[in-house]
Structure formats: C-alpha cells, structure tokens
Amino acid sequence: MEQKPQAYSGGHINTLHYTDTGAGDPLLLLHSGGMSGAEWTPQLARFSRHFRVIVPDHLGHGRSPMIAATLTVADMSEAVLALLDHLELTQIAAVGSSLGGAVALWLAIYHPQRISKLVLYRVGYRKDQTTHAGTRSMADPAYWRSVGMQQWLSDIHQPQGGPDAWQTVIGRVAEALDPATTDHIHDRVALEQIRQPTLLIVGDRDPVAPLAQILEMFAAIPNAGLWIMPYATHVTASNTWRAESFSLEVTRFLQRTTTANSIKRVQS
C-alpha cells in the first residue's frame, strides 16, 4: 500500500512531517518520546488494511522541527491538532505510546470533540520523581548503545542536526517530562470527564507507567478497558516487540461498537 510522506506548514507550528496511508475511518498513531513515526512501521500494514492511518513525527523528532527552546506536551498536541485541521479531520481515533500517549490524553481532555476513541499505551496521567527516574535513565545515550539502537536513532533523527542529534532528542524528552516543570500532569477530575471509549495498555513491570497509576486511570475513566501485558517492562511492552498482538487487540477495540452497557459503574 502506498505510503505518502508529506509536510504541513501551519503558521507558528512550522512544519510537521507525517505519513498518510490506507483508507477507512481515520486513525492517528502518536509515537513515543525519542522515536519517530517510524516506530509504527511494524503495525502500519496491519492498521492500514482497516483505517486511514495518519502518523506524524512529533515536534523536535524525526523530520519535524523544534519550535521553541524546550519541548512541551501542549506544543506537541497543538501541532497535531493543527495537522488534523489541515487534513479536515474533525474527529479521529487516537493511539498514543508513552509520550505520544501524553499527547493523546491532552487532546482528549482539552479537545474531546476531536477524539472518537482513545488508546493510551505505556503512559500514566502524571509524572513524579519515581516515574521520571525511568525516563531519565532512557535519556542516557549509553542505554540505547547497550541495546544496539543507536544507529537506528541516529538515522531517524539526522534532520535534527546530524548523526549525533538523537542524543539531543532523547534529552528533550526527559526535560519535557521533568515533574518540576512538565505540563503532563492531570488529576482524577480531568480523567472522569473523558467520555470516549478508552483502552489502557501497560506492562505489569513498567517503572515509567506503573501499574498502580494505570489502575487509578481505569477506575476514573468511565468507559475504559484495560489490557495488562504480563512480564513486560516499558521497553518489552513496546509495539515493536509485540507488533502482531498489539495491532490485533487495538484493531478489535477500535472496531468494537460501544453501548451504554459498556460504561463502568464505579462506586464512589
């Protein structure tokens, strides 16, 4: 199936690189921090059989530029929103992984009319020092060298400033999620207002998106489902490791018809 890399020029948003593949109901795939839209390659063929799949590179990642001195979830989200406006997509299902999940959550909270269904993958609803410790460790270039991914990261982030630019990119992510300054911080009241059918996905050993926090989200979001991956950390729960099972389960959720009976009745 044809994959069409494009760029959208949108005022202060500048240029957001994206691909637009397949046909059907629109589906937005938001990659994790330090990656690019290429992270979704293992799922793209599967998803594009059923959906029109929009895959942007976040600001400051891949082929999309930075627009400010620091990266924020709000700026990333506004850039995605502007892209949807450009594509004349008034509503879309959103799947967000890790930092991309923070963007998807921001869109669902602040622009709920634009999101039809929501998949939050490897992401909690707030950062604290404990969860940020895992994020900081993944901002260390030595970690990515130890797992043999430095060349792949170098290749996808070349447009950010050359072969070593990937180290800057992963540093931006840790800075964006610093609990002292991050805008990825929500409360239960905000979660309770999310009315979209929502699927929460997490590994049972994920220190960055701990299971306890995901269970809080499951209790708060009225129409939430939960998929816990056994024996999975933040990395080994990733869609690149579990491409087939991930795409099948998410497709099943997205194609599911939600009824009033599926709304959880949570006792207060």
C-alpha atoms as a PDB file:
ATOM      1  CA  MET A   1       0.000   0.000   0.000  1.00  0.00           C
ATOM      2  CA  GLU A   2       1.286   3.427  -0.908  1.00  0.00           C
ATOM      3  CA  GLN A   3       2.798   5.476   1.872  1.00  0.00           C
ATOM      4  CA  LYS A   4       2.803   9.222   1.305  1.00  0.00           C
ATOM      5  CA  PRO A   5       5.283  11.286   3.322  1.00  0.00           C
ATOM      6  CA  GLN A   6       4.119  14.866   3.491  1.00  0.00           C
ATOM      7  CA  ALA A   7       4.741  18.054   5.382  1.00  0.00           C
ATOM      8  CA  TYR A   8       2.222  20.543   6.702  1.00  0.00           C
ATOM      9  CA  SER A   9       3.126  24.186   7.093  1.00  0.00           C
ATOM     10  CA  GLY A  10       0.898  25.716   9.758  1.00  0.00           C
ATOM     11  CA  GLY A  11       1.861  29.179  10.980  1.00  0.00           C
ATOM     12  CA  HIS A  12       3.694  29.046  14.313  1.00  0.00           C
ATOM     13  CA  ILE A  13       3.563  25.252  14.136  1.00  0.00           C
ATOM     14  CA  ASN A  14       6.026  25.401  11.221  1.00  0.00           C
ATOM     15  CA  THR A  15       6.398  22.002   9.530  1.00  0.00           C
ATOM     16  CA  LEU A  16       5.091  18.735  10.902  1.00  0.00           C
ATOM     17  CA  HIS A  17       6.146  15.694   8.909  1.00  0.00           C
ATOM     18  CA  TYR A  18       3.608  12.891   8.595  1.00  0.00           C
ATOM     19  CA  THR A  19       2.551   9.898   6.533  1.00  0.00           C
ATOM     20  CA  ASP A  20      -0.986   9.246   5.324  1.00  0.00           C
ATOM     21  CA  THR A  21      -1.681   5.615   4.436  1.00  0.00           C
ATOM     22  CA  GLY A  22      -4.695   3.398   3.792  1.00  0.00           C
ATOM     23  CA  ALA A  23      -8.418   4.083   3.634  1.00  0.00           C
ATOM     24  CA  GLY A  24     -11.327   3.929   6.039  1.00  0.00           C
ATOM     25  CA  ASP A  25     -12.070   5.623   9.342  1.00  0.00           C
ATOM     26  CA  PRO A  26      -9.149   7.865  10.332  1.00  0.00           C
ATOM     27  CA  LEU A  27      -6.631   6.629  12.891  1.00  0.00           C
ATOM     28  CA  LEU A  28      -3.895   8.743  14.466  1.00  0.00           C
ATOM     29  CA  LEU A  29      -0.734   6.963  15.668  1.00  0.00           C
ATOM     30  CA  LEU A  30       1.421   9.016  18.054  1.00  0.00           C
ATOM     31  CA  HIS A  31       4.906   7.672  18.662  1.00  0.00           C
ATOM     32  CA  SER A  32       6.817   7.589  21.929  1.00  0.00           C
ATOM     33  CA  GLY A  33       9.445  10.076  23.043  1.00  0.00           C
ATOM     34  CA  GLY A  34      12.840   9.853  21.362  1.00  0.00           C
ATOM     35  CA  MET A  35      11.427   7.860  18.442  1.00  0.00           C
ATOM     36  CA  SER A  36       9.683   8.971  15.238  1.00  0.00           C
ATOM     37  CA  GLY A  37       6.702   7.856  13.215  1.00  0.00           C
ATOM     38  CA  ALA A  38       8.924   5.003  12.017  1.00  0.00           C
ATOM     39  CA  GLU A  39       8.253   3.359  15.388  1.00  0.00           C
ATOM     40  CA  TRP A  40       4.861   2.315  13.991  1.00  0.00           C
ATOM     41  CA  THR A  41       6.302   0.533  10.944  1.00  0.00           C
ATOM     42  CA  PRO A  42       5.603  -2.974  12.357  1.00  0.00           C
ATOM     43  CA  GLN A  43       1.883  -2.108  12.648  1.00  0.00           C
ATOM     44  CA  LEU A  44       1.379   0.139   9.640  1.00  0.00           C
ATOM     45  CA  ALA A  45       0.459  -2.549   7.107  1.00  0.00           C
ATOM     46  CA  ARG A  46      -1.953  -4.169   9.563  1.00  0.00           C
ATOM     47  CA  PHE A  47      -3.703  -0.953  10.572  1.00  0.00           C
ATOM     48  CA  SER A  48      -3.886   0.421   7.020  1.00  0.00           C
ATOM     49  CA  ARG A  49      -5.953  -2.599   5.948  1.00  0.00           C
ATOM     50  CA  HIS A  50      -8.803  -1.199   8.036  1.00  0.00           C
ATOM     51  CA  PHE A  51      -8.126   2.507   8.573  1.00  0.00           C
ATOM     52  CA  ARG A  52      -6.765   5.666   7.033  1.00  0.00           C
ATOM     53  CA  VAL A  53      -3.648   5.959   9.179  1.00  0.00           C
ATOM     54  CA  ILE A  54      -2.046   9.327   9.972  1.00  0.00           C
ATOM     55  CA  VAL A  55       1.433   9.053  11.518  1.00  0.00           C
ATOM     56  CA  PRO A  56       3.215  12.328  12.367  1.00  0.00           C
ATOM     57  CA  ASP A  57       6.699  12.892  13.693  1.00  0.00           C
ATOM     58  CA  HIS A  58       6.302  14.911  16.890  1.00  0.00           C
ATOM     59  CA  LEU A  59       7.888  18.335  17.140  1.00  0.00           C
ATOM     60  CA  GLY A  60      11.631  18.005  17.674  1.00  0.00           C
ATOM     61  CA  HIS A  61      11.621  14.396  16.444  1.00  0.00           C
ATOM     62  CA  GLY A  62      12.471  12.821  13.104  1.00  0.00           C
ATOM     63  CA  ARG A  63      11.712  15.247  10.285  1.00  0.00           C
ATOM     64  CA  SER A  64       9.645  17.680  12.358  1.00  0.00           C
ATOM     65  CA  PRO A  65      11.496  20.715  13.721  1.00  0.00           C
ATOM     66  CA  MET A  66      11.566  22.268  17.160  1.00  0.00           C
ATOM     67  CA  ILE A  67       9.519  25.460  17.513  1.00  0.00           C
ATOM     68  CA  ALA A  68      10.765  26.571  20.934  1.00  0.00           C
ATOM     69  CA  ALA A  69      13.756  26.220  23.218  1.00  0.00           C
ATOM     70  CA  THR A  70      12.106  23.345  25.094  1.00  0.00           C
ATOM     71  CA  LEU A  71       9.617  20.634  24.256  1.00  0.00           C
ATOM     72  CA  THR A  72       6.174  20.637  25.890  1.00  0.00           C
ATOM     73  CA  VAL A  73       3.221  18.294  25.637  1.00  0.00           C
ATOM     74  CA  ALA A  74       0.953  21.253  24.879  1.00  0.00           C
ATOM     75  CA  ASP A  75       3.062  22.391  21.907  1.00  0.00           C
ATOM     76  CA  MET A  76       3.223  18.844  20.571  1.00  0.00           C
ATOM     77  CA  SER A  77      -0.539  18.479  20.968  1.00  0.00           C
ATOM     78  CA  GLU A  78      -1.318  21.804  19.313  1.00  0.00           C
ATOM     79  CA  ALA A  79       0.871  20.801  16.376  1.00  0.00           C
ATOM     80  CA  VAL A  80      -1.097  17.580  15.962  1.00  0.00           C
ATOM     81  CA  LEU A  81      -4.367  19.499  16.260  1.00  0.00           C
ATOM     82  CA  ALA A  82      -3.253  21.884  13.511  1.00  0.00           C
ATOM     83  CA  LEU A  83      -2.379  18.912  11.323  1.00  0.00           C
ATOM     84  CA  LEU A  84      -5.865  17.462  11.819  1.00  0.00           C
ATOM     85  CA  ASP A  85      -7.333  20.839  10.855  1.00  0.00           C
ATOM     86  CA  HIS A  86      -5.197  20.876   7.719  1.00  0.00           C
ATOM     87  CA  LEU A  87      -6.408  17.385   6.805  1.00  0.00           C
ATOM     88  CA  GLU A  88     -10.003  18.455   7.550  1.00  0.00           C
ATOM     89  CA  LEU A  89     -10.389  15.625  10.035  1.00  0.00           C
ATOM     90  CA  THR A  90     -12.952  16.815  12.546  1.00  0.00           C
ATOM     91  CA  GLN A  91     -12.740  13.621  14.608  1.00  0.00           C
ATOM     92  CA  ILE A  92     -10.249  10.764  14.771  1.00  0.00           C
ATOM     93  CA  ALA A  93      -9.362   7.720  16.855  1.00  0.00           C
ATOM     94  CA  ALA A  94      -6.022   8.246  18.607  1.00  0.00           C
ATOM     95  CA  VAL A  95      -3.434   5.693  19.705  1.00  0.00           C
ATOM     96  CA  GLY A  96      -0.586   7.164  21.741  1.00  0.00           C
ATOM     97  CA  SER A  97       2.519   5.396  23.007  1.00  0.00           C
ATOM     98  CA  SER A  98       4.358   6.767  26.057  1.00  0.00           C
ATOM     99  CA  LEU A  99       4.984  10.480  25.312  1.00  0.00           C
ATOM    100  CA  GLY A 100       2.618  10.088  22.372  1.00  0.00           C
ATOM    101  CA  GLY A 101       0.081   8.849  24.889  1.00  0.00           C
ATOM    102  CA  ALA A 102       0.572  12.054  26.862  1.00  0.00           C
ATOM    103  CA  VAL A 103      -0.298  13.955  23.673  1.00  0.00           C
ATOM    104  CA  ALA A 104      -3.366  11.775  23.045  1.00  0.00           C
ATOM    105  CA  LEU A 105      -4.506  12.283  26.643  1.00  0.00           C
ATOM    106  CA  TRP A 106      -4.042  16.063  26.332  1.00  0.00           C
ATOM    107  CA  LEU A 107      -6.172  16.095  23.174  1.00  0.00           C
ATOM    108  CA  ALA A 108      -8.899  14.009  24.821  1.00  0.00           C
ATOM    109  CA  ILE A 109      -9.028  16.323  27.844  1.00  0.00           C
ATOM    110  CA  TYR A 110      -8.788  19.712  26.126  1.00  0.00           C
ATOM    111  CA  HIS A 111     -10.369  18.937  22.731  1.00  0.00           C
ATOM    112  CA  PRO A 112     -12.654  15.971  23.434  1.00  0.00           C
ATOM    113  CA  GLN A 113     -14.810  16.599  20.380  1.00  0.00           C
ATOM    114  CA  ARG A 114     -11.832  15.763  18.142  1.00  0.00           C
ATOM    115  CA  ILE A 115     -11.139  12.288  19.575  1.00  0.00           C
ATOM    116  CA  SER A 116     -13.603   9.454  18.883  1.00  0.00           C
ATOM    117  CA  LYS A 117     -11.734   6.631  20.621  1.00  0.00           C
ATOM    118  CA  LEU A 118      -8.603   6.639  22.720  1.00  0.00           C
ATOM    119  CA  VAL A 119      -5.802   4.127  23.249  1.00  0.00           C
ATOM    120  CA  LEU A 120      -3.309   5.098  25.950  1.00  0.00           C
ATOM    121  CA  TYR A 121      -0.288   2.866  25.789  1.00  0.00           C
ATOM    122  CA  ARG A 122       2.548   2.839  28.349  1.00  0.00           C
ATOM    123  CA  VAL A 123       1.523   6.213  29.777  1.00  0.00           C
ATOM    124  CA  GLY A 124       0.193   7.433  33.112  1.00  0.00           C
ATOM    125  CA  TYR A 125      -1.609  10.687  33.821  1.00  0.00           C
ATOM    126  CA  ARG A 126       1.102  12.499  35.789  1.00  0.00           C
ATOM    127  CA  LYS A 127       4.851  12.461  36.321  1.00  0.00           C
ATOM    128  CA  ASP A 128       6.583  12.240  39.676  1.00  0.00           C
ATOM    129  CA  GLN A 129      10.182  11.710  40.724  1.00  0.00           C
ATOM    130  CA  THR A 130       9.805   7.934  40.791  1.00  0.00           C
ATOM    131  CA  THR A 131       8.438   7.582  37.266  1.00  0.00           C
ATOM    132  CA  HIS A 132      10.778  10.258  35.946  1.00  0.00           C
ATOM    133  CA  ALA A 133      13.784   8.258  37.132  1.00  0.00           C
ATOM    134  CA  GLY A 134      12.978   5.699  34.450  1.00  0.00           C
ATOM    135  CA  THR A 135      12.578   8.442  31.855  1.00  0.00           C
ATOM    136  CA  ARG A 136      15.951   9.933  32.813  1.00  0.00           C
ATOM    137  CA  SER A 137      17.669   6.572  32.517  1.00  0.00           C
ATOM    138  CA  MET A 138      16.339   6.237  28.974  1.00  0.00           C
ATOM    139  CA  ALA A 139      17.741   9.683  28.156  1.00  0.00           C
ATOM    140  CA  ASP A 140      21.248   8.293  28.658  1.00  0.00           C
ATOM    141  CA  PRO A 141      22.846   7.519  25.256  1.00  0.00           C
ATOM    142  CA  ALA A 142      24.679   4.605  26.886  1.00  0.00           C
ATOM    143  CA  TYR A 143      21.354   2.841  27.399  1.00  0.00           C
ATOM    144  CA  TRP A 144      20.498   2.902  23.697  1.00  0.00           C
ATOM    145  CA  ARG A 145      24.008   1.810  22.760  1.00  0.00           C
ATOM    146  CA  SER A 146      23.657  -1.134  25.146  1.00  0.00           C
ATOM    147  CA  VAL A 147      20.530  -2.346  23.319  1.00  0.00           C
ATOM    148  CA  GLY A 148      22.020  -1.710  19.878  1.00  0.00           C
ATOM    149  CA  MET A 149      19.618   1.025  18.785  1.00  0.00           C
ATOM    150  CA  GLN A 150      21.990   3.968  18.463  1.00  0.00           C
ATOM    151  CA  GLN A 151      22.372   3.670  14.678  1.00  0.00           C
ATOM    152  CA  TRP A 152      18.616   3.489  14.111  1.00  0.00           C
ATOM    153  CA  LEU A 153      18.105   6.547  16.310  1.00  0.00           C
ATOM    154  CA  SER A 154      20.929   8.333  14.515  1.00  0.00           C
ATOM    155  CA  ASP A 155      19.310   7.627  11.151  1.00  0.00           C
ATOM    156  CA  ILE A 156      15.781   8.762  12.029  1.00  0.00           C
ATOM    157  CA  HIS A 157      16.942  11.935  13.788  1.00  0.00           C
ATOM    158  CA  GLN A 158      19.535  13.068  11.214  1.00  0.00           C
ATOM    159  CA  PRO A 159      17.256  16.006  10.233  1.00  0.00           C
ATOM    160  CA  GLN A 160      17.524  17.322  13.802  1.00  0.00           C
ATOM    161  CA  GLY A 161      21.184  18.223  13.272  1.00  0.00           C
ATOM    162  CA  GLY A 162      23.353  15.350  12.107  1.00  0.00           C
ATOM    163  CA  PRO A 163      24.367  11.853  13.221  1.00  0.00           C
ATOM    164  CA  ASP A 164      24.594  12.721  16.926  1.00  0.00           C
ATOM    165  CA  ALA A 165      21.344  14.713  17.082  1.00  0.00           C
ATOM    166  CA  TRP A 166      19.496  11.720  18.537  1.00  0.00           C
ATOM    167  CA  GLN A 167      21.237  12.356  21.850  1.00  0.00           C
ATOM    168  CA  THR A 168      19.720  15.841  21.937  1.00  0.00           C
ATOM    169  CA  VAL A 169      16.287  14.450  21.095  1.00  0.00           C
ATOM    170  CA  ILE A 170      16.217  11.944  23.960  1.00  0.00           C
ATOM    171  CA  GLY A 171      17.392  14.692  26.304  1.00  0.00           C
ATOM    172  CA  ARG A 172      14.462  16.878  25.228  1.00  0.00           C
ATOM    173  CA  VAL A 173      12.042  14.150  26.214  1.00  0.00           C
ATOM    174  CA  ALA A 174      13.416  13.839  29.744  1.00  0.00           C
ATOM    175  CA  GLU A 175      13.257  17.625  30.100  1.00  0.00           C
ATOM    176  CA  ALA A 176       9.662  17.750  28.828  1.00  0.00           C
ATOM    177  CA  LEU A 177       8.601  15.220  31.470  1.00  0.00           C
ATOM    178  CA  ASP A 178      10.510  16.680  34.425  1.00  0.00           C
ATOM    179  CA  PRO A 179       7.892  16.671  37.215  1.00  0.00           C
ATOM    180  CA  ALA A 180       9.026  20.107  38.388  1.00  0.00           C
ATOM    181  CA  THR A 181       8.067  21.763  35.102  1.00  0.00           C
ATOM    182  CA  THR A 182       6.076  19.344  32.933  1.00  0.00           C
ATOM    183  CA  ASP A 183       2.586  20.052  31.636  1.00  0.00           C
ATOM    184  CA  HIS A 184       1.846  16.316  31.663  1.00  0.00           C
ATOM    185  CA  ILE A 185       0.097  16.451  35.000  1.00  0.00           C
ATOM    186  CA  HIS A 186      -3.623  15.800  35.336  1.00  0.00           C
ATOM    187  CA  ASP A 187      -5.961  14.861  38.164  1.00  0.00           C
ATOM    188  CA  ARG A 188      -8.804  12.430  38.713  1.00  0.00           C
ATOM    189  CA  VAL A 189     -11.419  15.079  37.940  1.00  0.00           C
ATOM    190  CA  ALA A 190      -9.966  15.519  34.442  1.00  0.00           C
ATOM    191  CA  LEU A 191      -9.913  11.759  33.907  1.00  0.00           C
ATOM    192  CA  GLU A 192     -13.540  11.433  34.983  1.00  0.00           C
ATOM    193  CA  GLN A 193     -14.547  13.825  32.191  1.00  0.00           C
ATOM    194  CA  ILE A 194     -13.140  11.563  29.461  1.00  0.00           C
ATOM    195  CA  ARG A 195     -16.191  10.059  27.758  1.00  0.00           C
ATOM    196  CA  GLN A 196     -14.543   8.414  24.773  1.00  0.00           C
ATOM    197  CA  PRO A 197     -14.205   4.634  24.746  1.00  0.00           C
ATOM    198  CA  THR A 198     -10.674   4.218  26.089  1.00  0.00           C
ATOM    199  CA  LEU A 199      -8.263   1.294  26.090  1.00  0.00           C
ATOM    200  CA  LEU A 200      -5.413   1.398  28.613  1.00  0.00           C
ATOM    201  CA  ILE A 201      -2.413  -0.809  27.799  1.00  0.00           C
ATOM    202  CA  VAL A 202       0.561  -1.331  30.104  1.00  0.00           C
ATOM    203  CA  GLY A 203       3.232  -3.837  31.008  1.00  0.00           C
ATOM    204  CA  ASP A 204       2.952  -5.246  34.513  1.00  0.00           C
ATOM    205  CA  ARG A 205       6.596  -4.324  35.231  1.00  0.00           C
ATOM    206  CA  ASP A 206       6.702  -0.846  33.699  1.00  0.00           C
ATOM    207  CA  PRO A 207       8.516   1.638  36.001  1.00  0.00           C
ATOM    208  CA  VAL A 208       7.733   4.621  33.749  1.00  0.00           C
ATOM    209  CA  ALA A 209       3.974   3.968  33.619  1.00  0.00           C
ATOM    210  CA  PRO A 210       3.468   1.936  36.808  1.00  0.00           C
ATOM    211  CA  LEU A 211       0.532  -0.414  37.025  1.00  0.00           C
ATOM    212  CA  ALA A 212      -0.784   1.266  40.186  1.00  0.00           C
ATOM    213  CA  GLN A 213      -1.195   4.563  38.332  1.00  0.00           C
ATOM    214  CA  ILE A 214      -2.843   2.867  35.349  1.00  0.00           C
ATOM    215  CA  LEU A 215      -5.328   1.215  37.705  1.00  0.00           C
ATOM    216  CA  GLU A 216      -6.185   4.680  39.047  1.00  0.00           C
ATOM    217  CA  MET A 217      -6.914   5.745  35.465  1.00  0.00           C
ATOM    218  CA  PHE A 218      -9.007   2.629  34.895  1.00  0.00           C
ATOM    219  CA  ALA A 219     -11.104   3.453  37.955  1.00  0.00           C
ATOM    220  CA  ALA A 220     -11.548   7.106  36.956  1.00  0.00           C
ATOM    221  CA  ILE A 221     -12.275   6.966  33.207  1.00  0.00           C
ATOM    222  CA  PRO A 222     -15.938   5.926  32.853  1.00  0.00           C
ATOM    223  CA  ASN A 223     -15.634   3.890  29.651  1.00  0.00           C
ATOM    224  CA  ALA A 224     -12.177   2.364  29.996  1.00  0.00           C
ATOM    225  CA  GLY A 225     -10.913  -1.104  29.216  1.00  0.00           C
ATOM    226  CA  LEU A 226      -7.612  -2.471  30.468  1.00  0.00           C
ATOM    227  CA  TRP A 227      -5.011  -4.735  28.879  1.00  0.00           C
ATOM    228  CA  ILE A 228      -2.082  -5.692  31.116  1.00  0.00           C
ATOM    229  CA  MET A 229       0.847  -7.324  29.320  1.00  0.00           C
ATOM    230  CA  PRO A 230       2.479  -9.954  31.555  1.00  0.00           C
ATOM    231  CA  TYR A 231       6.202  -9.921  32.301  1.00  0.00           C
ATOM    232  CA  ALA A 232       6.578  -6.669  30.345  1.00  0.00           C
ATOM    233  CA  THR A 233       8.626  -3.558  31.116  1.00  0.00           C
ATOM    234  CA  HIS A 234       8.329  -0.164  29.420  1.00  0.00           C
ATOM    235  CA  VAL A 235      10.600  -1.396  26.626  1.00  0.00           C
ATOM    236  CA  THR A 236       9.464  -5.004  26.223  1.00  0.00           C
ATOM    237  CA  ALA A 237       5.805  -3.923  26.209  1.00  0.00           C
ATOM    238  CA  SER A 238       6.521  -1.758  23.178  1.00  0.00           C
ATOM    239  CA  ASN A 239       4.593  -2.142  19.945  1.00  0.00           C
ATOM    240  CA  THR A 240       7.800  -3.005  18.084  1.00  0.00           C
ATOM    241  CA  TRP A 241       8.278  -6.071  20.297  1.00  0.00           C
ATOM    242  CA  ARG A 242       4.639  -7.189  20.227  1.00  0.00           C
ATOM    243  CA  ALA A 243       3.557  -5.989  16.799  1.00  0.00           C
ATOM    244  CA  GLU A 244       1.017  -8.651  15.903  1.00  0.00           C
ATOM    245  CA  SER A 245      -0.772  -8.986  19.238  1.00  0.00           C
ATOM    246  CA  PHE A 246      -0.798  -5.202  19.683  1.00  0.00           C
ATOM    247  CA  SER A 247      -2.296  -4.438  16.275  1.00  0.00           C
ATOM    248  CA  LEU A 248      -4.898  -7.199  16.573  1.00  0.00           C
ATOM    249  CA  GLU A 249      -6.062  -6.129  20.032  1.00  0.00           C
ATOM    250  CA  VAL A 250      -6.156  -2.426  19.171  1.00  0.00           C
ATOM    251  CA  THR A 251      -7.997  -3.073  15.900  1.00  0.00           C
ATOM    252  CA  ARG A 252     -10.547  -5.180  17.769  1.00  0.00           C
ATOM    253  CA  PHE A 253     -11.076  -2.326  20.228  1.00  0.00           C
ATOM    254  CA  LEU A 254     -11.362   0.343  17.520  1.00  0.00           C
ATOM    255  CA  GLN A 255     -13.911  -1.688  15.559  1.00  0.00           C
ATOM    256  CA  ARG A 256     -15.953  -2.548  18.625  1.00  0.00           C
ATOM    257  CA  THR A 257     -19.361  -0.876  18.908  1.00  0.00           C
ATOM    258  CA  THR A 258     -19.703   0.768  22.300  1.00  0.00           C
ATOM    259  CA  THR A 259     -23.066   0.541  24.044  1.00  0.00           C
ATOM    260  CA  ALA A 260     -24.439   2.104  27.172  1.00  0.00           C
ATOM    261  CA  ASN A 261     -23.962  -1.220  28.952  1.00  0.00           C
ATOM    262  CA  SER A 262     -20.195  -0.963  28.466  1.00  0.00           C
ATOM    263  CA  ILE A 263     -19.939   2.082  30.736  1.00  0.00           C
ATOM    264  CA  LYS A 264     -18.426   1.055  34.063  1.00  0.00           C
ATOM    265  CA  ARG A 265     -20.484   1.759  37.142  1.00  0.00           C
ATOM    266  CA  VAL A 266     -17.806   2.835  39.595  1.00  0.00           C
ATOM    267  CA  GLN A 267     -18.888   3.130  43.206  1.00  0.00           C
ATOM    268  CA  SER A 268     -17.933   6.450  44.775  1.00  0.00           C
END
